[in-house]
N, C-alpha and C. Protein backbone atom coordinates (compact mmCIF):
# COMPACT_ATOMS: atom_id res chain seq x y z
N MET A 1 92.45 75.51 125.83
CA MET A 1 91.94 76.52 124.92
C MET A 1 92.75 76.50 123.62
N LYS A 2 92.09 76.73 122.54
CA LYS A 2 92.72 76.74 121.23
C LYS A 2 93.70 77.92 121.14
N ASN A 3 94.85 77.70 120.48
CA ASN A 3 95.80 78.79 120.27
C ASN A 3 95.22 79.78 119.28
N ILE A 4 95.56 81.05 119.48
CA ILE A 4 95.11 82.11 118.59
C ILE A 4 96.19 82.35 117.54
N PHE A 5 95.80 82.38 116.28
CA PHE A 5 96.74 82.61 115.18
C PHE A 5 96.38 83.90 114.48
N CYS A 6 97.39 84.58 113.97
CA CYS A 6 97.17 85.80 113.21
C CYS A 6 97.75 85.61 111.81
N PRO A 7 97.21 86.38 110.84
CA PRO A 7 97.87 86.38 109.54
C PRO A 7 99.29 86.91 109.73
N ILE A 8 100.23 86.48 108.91
CA ILE A 8 101.63 86.85 109.09
C ILE A 8 102.16 87.51 107.83
N SER A 9 102.99 88.55 108.03
CA SER A 9 103.69 89.18 106.91
C SER A 9 105.08 89.58 107.37
N THR A 10 105.87 90.07 106.44
CA THR A 10 107.21 90.53 106.79
C THR A 10 107.22 92.01 107.16
N GLU A 11 106.12 92.70 106.90
CA GLU A 11 106.05 94.13 107.22
C GLU A 11 105.82 94.32 108.71
N ARG A 12 106.48 95.32 109.27
CA ARG A 12 106.36 95.62 110.70
C ARG A 12 105.87 97.06 110.86
N ILE A 13 105.11 97.30 111.94
CA ILE A 13 104.63 98.64 112.27
C ILE A 13 104.76 98.86 113.78
N ASN A 14 104.70 100.12 114.18
CA ASN A 14 104.72 100.47 115.59
C ASN A 14 103.34 100.19 116.18
N GLU A 15 103.25 99.33 117.17
CA GLU A 15 101.98 98.93 117.77
C GLU A 15 101.18 100.12 118.30
N GLN A 16 101.85 101.17 118.72
CA GLN A 16 101.15 102.32 119.30
C GLN A 16 100.24 103.02 118.29
N VAL A 17 100.65 103.02 117.02
CA VAL A 17 99.87 103.74 116.00
C VAL A 17 98.49 103.12 115.80
N PRO A 18 98.34 101.81 115.58
CA PRO A 18 96.98 101.27 115.46
C PRO A 18 96.18 101.36 116.75
N ARG A 19 96.86 101.35 117.89
CA ARG A 19 96.12 101.49 119.15
C ARG A 19 95.51 102.88 119.26
N VAL A 20 96.28 103.92 118.93
CA VAL A 20 95.75 105.28 118.97
C VAL A 20 94.71 105.47 117.85
N THR A 21 94.95 104.87 116.70
CA THR A 21 93.97 104.92 115.61
C THR A 21 92.64 104.34 116.07
N SER A 22 92.68 103.28 116.84
CA SER A 22 91.45 102.66 117.37
C SER A 22 90.68 103.63 118.25
N LEU A 23 91.41 104.39 119.07
CA LEU A 23 90.75 105.41 119.90
C LEU A 23 90.07 106.45 119.01
N LEU A 24 90.75 106.88 117.96
CA LEU A 24 90.16 107.86 117.04
C LEU A 24 88.91 107.31 116.36
N VAL A 25 88.91 106.03 116.04
CA VAL A 25 87.72 105.38 115.45
C VAL A 25 86.55 105.45 116.42
N VAL A 26 86.80 105.13 117.69
CA VAL A 26 85.74 105.19 118.70
C VAL A 26 85.18 106.61 118.78
N VAL A 27 86.06 107.60 118.83
CA VAL A 27 85.63 109.00 118.93
C VAL A 27 84.79 109.38 117.71
N LEU A 28 85.23 108.98 116.52
CA LEU A 28 84.48 109.34 115.31
C LEU A 28 83.13 108.64 115.21
N VAL A 29 83.03 107.41 115.67
CA VAL A 29 81.73 106.74 115.68
C VAL A 29 80.77 107.49 116.59
N ILE A 30 81.25 107.90 117.75
CA ILE A 30 80.41 108.66 118.68
C ILE A 30 80.01 110.00 118.06
N ILE A 31 80.96 110.68 117.43
CA ILE A 31 80.65 111.96 116.77
C ILE A 31 79.64 111.74 115.64
N GLY A 32 79.80 110.68 114.86
CA GLY A 32 78.88 110.40 113.76
C GLY A 32 77.44 110.26 114.23
N PHE A 33 77.25 109.53 115.33
CA PHE A 33 75.89 109.38 115.86
C PHE A 33 75.41 110.65 116.54
N SER A 34 76.30 111.35 117.21
CA SER A 34 75.91 112.60 117.88
C SER A 34 75.45 113.64 116.88
N LEU A 35 76.15 113.73 115.76
CA LEU A 35 75.80 114.71 114.72
C LEU A 35 74.81 114.15 113.70
N GLN A 36 74.49 112.85 113.81
CA GLN A 36 73.64 112.17 112.83
C GLN A 36 74.18 112.42 111.42
N SER A 37 75.49 112.18 111.27
CA SER A 37 76.18 112.51 110.03
C SER A 37 76.69 111.27 109.30
N LEU A 38 76.12 111.02 108.14
CA LEU A 38 76.60 109.94 107.28
C LEU A 38 78.00 110.26 106.75
N LEU A 39 78.31 111.55 106.66
CA LEU A 39 79.62 111.98 106.17
C LEU A 39 80.75 111.46 107.06
N VAL A 40 80.54 111.45 108.37
CA VAL A 40 81.55 110.93 109.30
C VAL A 40 81.76 109.44 109.03
N PHE A 41 80.69 108.70 108.82
CA PHE A 41 80.82 107.27 108.55
C PHE A 41 81.47 107.02 107.19
N ALA A 42 81.17 107.88 106.21
CA ALA A 42 81.82 107.75 104.90
C ALA A 42 83.33 107.99 105.03
N PHE A 43 83.70 108.98 105.83
CA PHE A 43 85.13 109.24 106.08
C PHE A 43 85.78 108.02 106.73
N LEU A 44 85.11 107.45 107.73
CA LEU A 44 85.64 106.25 108.40
C LEU A 44 85.80 105.09 107.41
N ALA A 45 84.81 104.89 106.56
CA ALA A 45 84.88 103.81 105.58
C ALA A 45 86.06 104.03 104.63
N ALA A 46 86.23 105.26 104.17
CA ALA A 46 87.36 105.58 103.28
C ALA A 46 88.69 105.35 103.99
N ASP A 47 88.78 105.74 105.24
CA ASP A 47 90.01 105.57 106.00
C ASP A 47 90.33 104.09 106.19
N PHE A 48 89.33 103.31 106.56
CA PHE A 48 89.53 101.86 106.69
C PHE A 48 89.93 101.25 105.34
N ALA A 49 89.31 101.71 104.25
CA ALA A 49 89.63 101.18 102.92
C ALA A 49 91.09 101.45 102.56
N ILE A 50 91.57 102.63 102.87
CA ILE A 50 92.97 102.96 102.60
C ILE A 50 93.89 102.02 103.36
N ARG A 51 93.60 101.80 104.63
CA ARG A 51 94.44 100.92 105.45
C ARG A 51 94.31 99.45 105.03
N ALA A 52 93.14 99.07 104.57
CA ALA A 52 92.87 97.66 104.27
C ALA A 52 93.27 97.22 102.87
N PHE A 53 93.12 98.11 101.90
CA PHE A 53 93.23 97.68 100.51
C PHE A 53 94.30 98.39 99.68
N THR A 54 95.06 99.31 100.28
CA THR A 54 96.10 100.00 99.52
C THR A 54 97.47 99.77 100.17
N LYS A 55 98.48 100.15 99.45
CA LYS A 55 99.85 100.06 99.96
C LYS A 55 100.30 101.38 100.60
N MET A 56 99.39 102.35 100.70
CA MET A 56 99.75 103.63 101.30
C MET A 56 100.23 103.41 102.73
N ARG A 57 101.25 104.15 103.12
CA ARG A 57 101.82 103.97 104.45
C ARG A 57 100.86 104.43 105.53
N PHE A 58 100.17 105.55 105.28
CA PHE A 58 99.26 106.10 106.28
C PHE A 58 97.92 106.48 105.67
N SER A 59 96.86 106.29 106.43
CA SER A 59 95.56 106.89 106.13
C SER A 59 95.50 108.17 106.95
N ALA A 60 94.43 108.94 106.80
CA ALA A 60 94.32 110.18 107.58
C ALA A 60 94.36 109.88 109.08
N LEU A 61 93.59 108.89 109.53
CA LEU A 61 93.56 108.58 110.97
C LEU A 61 94.89 108.03 111.46
N SER A 62 95.51 107.15 110.69
CA SER A 62 96.78 106.60 111.16
C SER A 62 97.88 107.66 111.15
N CYS A 63 97.78 108.65 110.26
CA CYS A 63 98.73 109.75 110.25
C CYS A 63 98.57 110.60 111.52
N VAL A 64 97.34 110.92 111.88
CA VAL A 64 97.08 111.66 113.12
C VAL A 64 97.55 110.84 114.32
N ALA A 65 97.27 109.55 114.30
CA ALA A 65 97.70 108.67 115.40
C ALA A 65 99.22 108.65 115.51
N TYR A 66 99.91 108.63 114.38
CA TYR A 66 101.38 108.66 114.37
C TYR A 66 101.88 109.94 115.03
N TRP A 67 101.28 111.08 114.67
CA TRP A 67 101.69 112.36 115.27
C TRP A 67 101.42 112.36 116.78
N ILE A 68 100.30 111.79 117.18
CA ILE A 68 99.98 111.72 118.61
C ILE A 68 101.01 110.87 119.35
N THR A 69 101.38 109.73 118.77
CA THR A 69 102.38 108.88 119.44
C THR A 69 103.72 109.59 119.56
N LEU A 70 104.07 110.39 118.55
CA LEU A 70 105.31 111.17 118.64
C LEU A 70 105.20 112.25 119.71
N ALA A 71 104.07 112.98 119.71
CA ALA A 71 103.88 114.07 120.67
C ALA A 71 103.87 113.56 122.11
N LEU A 72 103.27 112.39 122.33
CA LEU A 72 103.21 111.82 123.68
C LEU A 72 104.45 110.99 124.02
N LYS A 73 105.35 110.86 123.04
CA LYS A 73 106.58 110.08 123.23
C LYS A 73 106.29 108.66 123.72
N LEU A 74 105.28 108.04 123.09
CA LEU A 74 104.94 106.66 123.44
C LEU A 74 106.04 105.73 122.94
N PRO A 75 106.43 104.75 123.74
CA PRO A 75 107.52 103.86 123.32
C PRO A 75 107.10 102.99 122.13
N ALA A 76 107.97 102.95 121.14
CA ALA A 76 107.67 102.15 119.94
C ALA A 76 107.86 100.67 120.24
N LYS A 77 106.94 99.87 119.71
CA LYS A 77 107.05 98.41 119.80
C LYS A 77 106.65 97.87 118.44
N GLN A 78 107.57 97.25 117.74
CA GLN A 78 107.31 96.75 116.40
C GLN A 78 106.50 95.45 116.45
N ILE A 79 105.44 95.42 115.63
CA ILE A 79 104.59 94.23 115.52
C ILE A 79 104.35 93.92 114.05
N ASP A 80 103.85 92.74 113.78
CA ASP A 80 103.50 92.32 112.43
C ASP A 80 102.32 93.14 111.92
N LYS A 81 102.38 93.58 110.67
CA LYS A 81 101.33 94.42 110.10
C LYS A 81 100.11 93.63 109.62
N ALA A 82 100.29 92.38 109.23
CA ALA A 82 99.19 91.60 108.62
C ALA A 82 97.92 91.54 109.48
N PRO A 83 98.02 91.31 110.80
CA PRO A 83 96.78 91.28 111.58
C PRO A 83 96.03 92.61 111.55
N LYS A 84 96.78 93.71 111.47
CA LYS A 84 96.14 95.02 111.44
C LYS A 84 95.46 95.27 110.09
N ILE A 85 96.03 94.71 109.02
CA ILE A 85 95.37 94.81 107.71
C ILE A 85 94.07 94.01 107.73
N PHE A 86 94.11 92.81 108.28
CA PHE A 86 92.90 92.00 108.40
C PHE A 86 91.85 92.73 109.24
N ALA A 87 92.28 93.33 110.35
CA ALA A 87 91.36 94.08 111.22
C ALA A 87 90.79 95.29 110.48
N ALA A 88 91.60 95.96 109.66
CA ALA A 88 91.11 97.10 108.88
C ALA A 88 90.06 96.65 107.87
N ARG A 89 90.25 95.47 107.30
CA ARG A 89 89.24 94.94 106.36
C ARG A 89 87.93 94.65 107.08
N MET A 90 88.04 94.10 108.28
CA MET A 90 86.82 93.88 109.08
C MET A 90 86.17 95.21 109.45
N GLY A 91 87.00 96.19 109.83
CA GLY A 91 86.49 97.51 110.17
C GLY A 91 85.79 98.15 108.99
N PHE A 92 86.38 98.03 107.80
CA PHE A 92 85.75 98.56 106.59
C PHE A 92 84.38 97.93 106.37
N LEU A 93 84.32 96.61 106.48
CA LEU A 93 83.06 95.90 106.30
C LEU A 93 82.02 96.37 107.32
N MET A 94 82.44 96.51 108.57
CA MET A 94 81.50 96.93 109.61
C MET A 94 81.01 98.36 109.38
N VAL A 95 81.91 99.27 108.99
CA VAL A 95 81.50 100.65 108.74
C VAL A 95 80.63 100.73 107.48
N ALA A 96 80.91 99.92 106.48
CA ALA A 96 80.06 99.89 105.28
C ALA A 96 78.65 99.44 105.64
N ILE A 97 78.54 98.37 106.42
CA ILE A 97 77.23 97.89 106.87
C ILE A 97 76.54 98.94 107.73
N LEU A 98 77.28 99.50 108.65
CA LEU A 98 76.75 100.54 109.53
C LEU A 98 76.23 101.72 108.71
N SER A 99 76.97 102.12 107.69
CA SER A 99 76.57 103.26 106.85
C SER A 99 75.29 102.97 106.08
N VAL A 100 75.19 101.77 105.51
CA VAL A 100 73.97 101.40 104.77
C VAL A 100 72.77 101.39 105.72
N LEU A 101 72.94 100.80 106.88
CA LEU A 101 71.85 100.76 107.87
C LEU A 101 71.47 102.17 108.32
N PHE A 102 72.47 103.01 108.57
CA PHE A 102 72.24 104.38 109.00
C PHE A 102 71.50 105.17 107.92
N ALA A 103 71.96 105.04 106.66
CA ALA A 103 71.32 105.74 105.55
C ALA A 103 69.90 105.24 105.30
N SER A 104 69.63 103.98 105.65
CA SER A 104 68.30 103.39 105.48
C SER A 104 67.40 103.68 106.67
N ASP A 105 67.87 104.52 107.57
CA ASP A 105 67.14 104.91 108.77
C ASP A 105 66.84 103.72 109.68
N MET A 106 67.74 102.77 109.69
CA MET A 106 67.62 101.62 110.60
C MET A 106 68.56 101.88 111.77
N GLN A 107 68.15 102.83 112.61
CA GLN A 107 69.00 103.33 113.68
C GLN A 107 69.44 102.25 114.67
N THR A 108 68.52 101.43 115.10
CA THR A 108 68.87 100.40 116.09
C THR A 108 69.90 99.44 115.53
N ALA A 109 69.67 98.96 114.32
CA ALA A 109 70.62 98.03 113.70
C ALA A 109 71.98 98.68 113.49
N SER A 110 71.99 99.95 113.04
CA SER A 110 73.27 100.63 112.83
C SER A 110 74.00 100.83 114.15
N LYS A 111 73.27 101.07 115.22
CA LYS A 111 73.91 101.25 116.53
C LYS A 111 74.46 99.92 117.08
N ILE A 112 73.81 98.83 116.75
CA ILE A 112 74.33 97.51 117.18
C ILE A 112 75.66 97.23 116.48
N VAL A 113 75.71 97.45 115.17
CA VAL A 113 76.96 97.25 114.43
C VAL A 113 78.03 98.21 114.94
N ALA A 114 77.64 99.46 115.16
CA ALA A 114 78.60 100.44 115.70
C ALA A 114 79.09 100.03 117.08
N GLY A 115 78.21 99.49 117.89
CA GLY A 115 78.60 99.04 119.22
C GLY A 115 79.64 97.93 119.17
N ILE A 116 79.47 97.00 118.24
CA ILE A 116 80.45 95.92 118.08
C ILE A 116 81.79 96.50 117.64
N LEU A 117 81.75 97.42 116.68
CA LEU A 117 82.97 98.07 116.22
C LEU A 117 83.66 98.82 117.36
N VAL A 118 82.89 99.54 118.15
CA VAL A 118 83.45 100.30 119.28
C VAL A 118 84.07 99.35 120.32
N VAL A 119 83.42 98.23 120.59
CA VAL A 119 83.99 97.26 121.54
C VAL A 119 85.32 96.74 121.02
N PHE A 120 85.37 96.33 119.75
CA PHE A 120 86.63 95.82 119.18
C PHE A 120 87.72 96.89 119.21
N ALA A 121 87.38 98.10 118.79
CA ALA A 121 88.37 99.19 118.77
C ALA A 121 88.82 99.55 120.18
N SER A 122 87.90 99.53 121.13
CA SER A 122 88.26 99.83 122.52
C SER A 122 89.19 98.79 123.10
N LEU A 123 88.95 97.52 122.78
CA LEU A 123 89.84 96.45 123.25
C LEU A 123 91.25 96.62 122.67
N GLU A 124 91.32 96.99 121.41
CA GLU A 124 92.63 97.24 120.78
C GLU A 124 93.33 98.40 121.47
N PHE A 125 92.61 99.49 121.68
CA PHE A 125 93.21 100.67 122.31
C PHE A 125 93.63 100.39 123.75
N ALA A 126 92.75 99.82 124.53
CA ALA A 126 92.98 99.69 125.97
C ALA A 126 93.98 98.60 126.33
N ILE A 127 93.87 97.43 125.71
CA ILE A 127 94.72 96.32 126.15
C ILE A 127 95.44 95.60 125.00
N ALA A 128 95.46 96.24 123.83
CA ALA A 128 96.12 95.67 122.65
C ALA A 128 95.57 94.28 122.30
N PHE A 129 94.28 94.07 122.57
CA PHE A 129 93.63 92.81 122.21
C PHE A 129 93.18 92.90 120.76
N CYS A 130 93.69 92.01 119.94
CA CYS A 130 93.35 92.00 118.51
C CYS A 130 92.17 91.06 118.27
N ALA A 131 90.98 91.63 118.19
CA ALA A 131 89.79 90.82 117.91
C ALA A 131 89.92 90.18 116.53
N GLY A 132 90.62 90.84 115.62
CA GLY A 132 90.83 90.29 114.29
C GLY A 132 91.54 88.95 114.32
N CYS A 133 92.53 88.82 115.22
CA CYS A 133 93.26 87.55 115.34
C CYS A 133 92.34 86.43 115.82
N THR A 134 91.48 86.75 116.76
CA THR A 134 90.54 85.76 117.28
C THR A 134 89.55 85.34 116.18
N ILE A 135 89.02 86.31 115.47
CA ILE A 135 88.08 86.01 114.39
C ILE A 135 88.79 85.23 113.28
N TYR A 136 90.01 85.62 112.97
CA TYR A 136 90.79 84.91 111.95
C TYR A 136 90.98 83.44 112.36
N THR A 137 91.30 83.22 113.62
CA THR A 137 91.55 81.86 114.11
C THR A 137 90.31 80.97 114.00
N PHE A 138 89.16 81.50 114.39
CA PHE A 138 87.96 80.66 114.47
C PHE A 138 87.07 80.69 113.22
N LEU A 139 87.13 81.76 112.42
CA LEU A 139 86.24 81.86 111.27
C LEU A 139 86.92 81.78 109.92
N VAL A 140 88.20 82.12 109.84
CA VAL A 140 88.88 82.11 108.54
C VAL A 140 89.82 80.91 108.41
N LEU A 141 90.69 80.75 109.37
CA LEU A 141 91.71 79.70 109.32
C LEU A 141 91.14 78.29 109.09
N PRO A 142 90.03 77.92 109.72
CA PRO A 142 89.51 76.55 109.50
C PRO A 142 89.19 76.25 108.03
N PHE A 143 88.86 77.27 107.24
CA PHE A 143 88.53 77.06 105.83
C PHE A 143 89.77 76.92 104.95
N PHE A 144 90.93 77.33 105.47
CA PHE A 144 92.15 77.29 104.67
C PHE A 144 93.17 76.29 105.18
N LYS A 145 92.84 75.56 106.24
CA LYS A 145 93.74 74.53 106.75
C LYS A 145 93.81 73.38 105.77
N LYS A 146 94.98 72.78 105.70
CA LYS A 146 95.12 71.63 104.79
C LYS A 146 95.17 70.36 105.57
């Protein structure tokens, strides 16, 4: 099997925070469809954009996730931040597509995109599986290899 590669940076973060953030994403996607609220999806897109495209230390969801990790006294484990930034960019793209489909009343298509997002976020939360690293390895890295 091919080795999985992730983008690399010198910045480190506590692995528990993005894992709990992933759980919050799953909950918000479910709430968005339950309430039929584009506002929830807009909030998610903004949160992903902050994590993906800014130097801000925390987005609203990652701040809540940080507080949860402190309250639950989850053990800190430092990991590379770059794969999580790549995953946030993918999440932003997925929520943007989901939002356009939802606003266009294409419910089935929006639920398919949401389902993929929920699966990826659930894998991150449950077993720390970074779907972003797998996608990076097979879809991005081949175009930048020398």
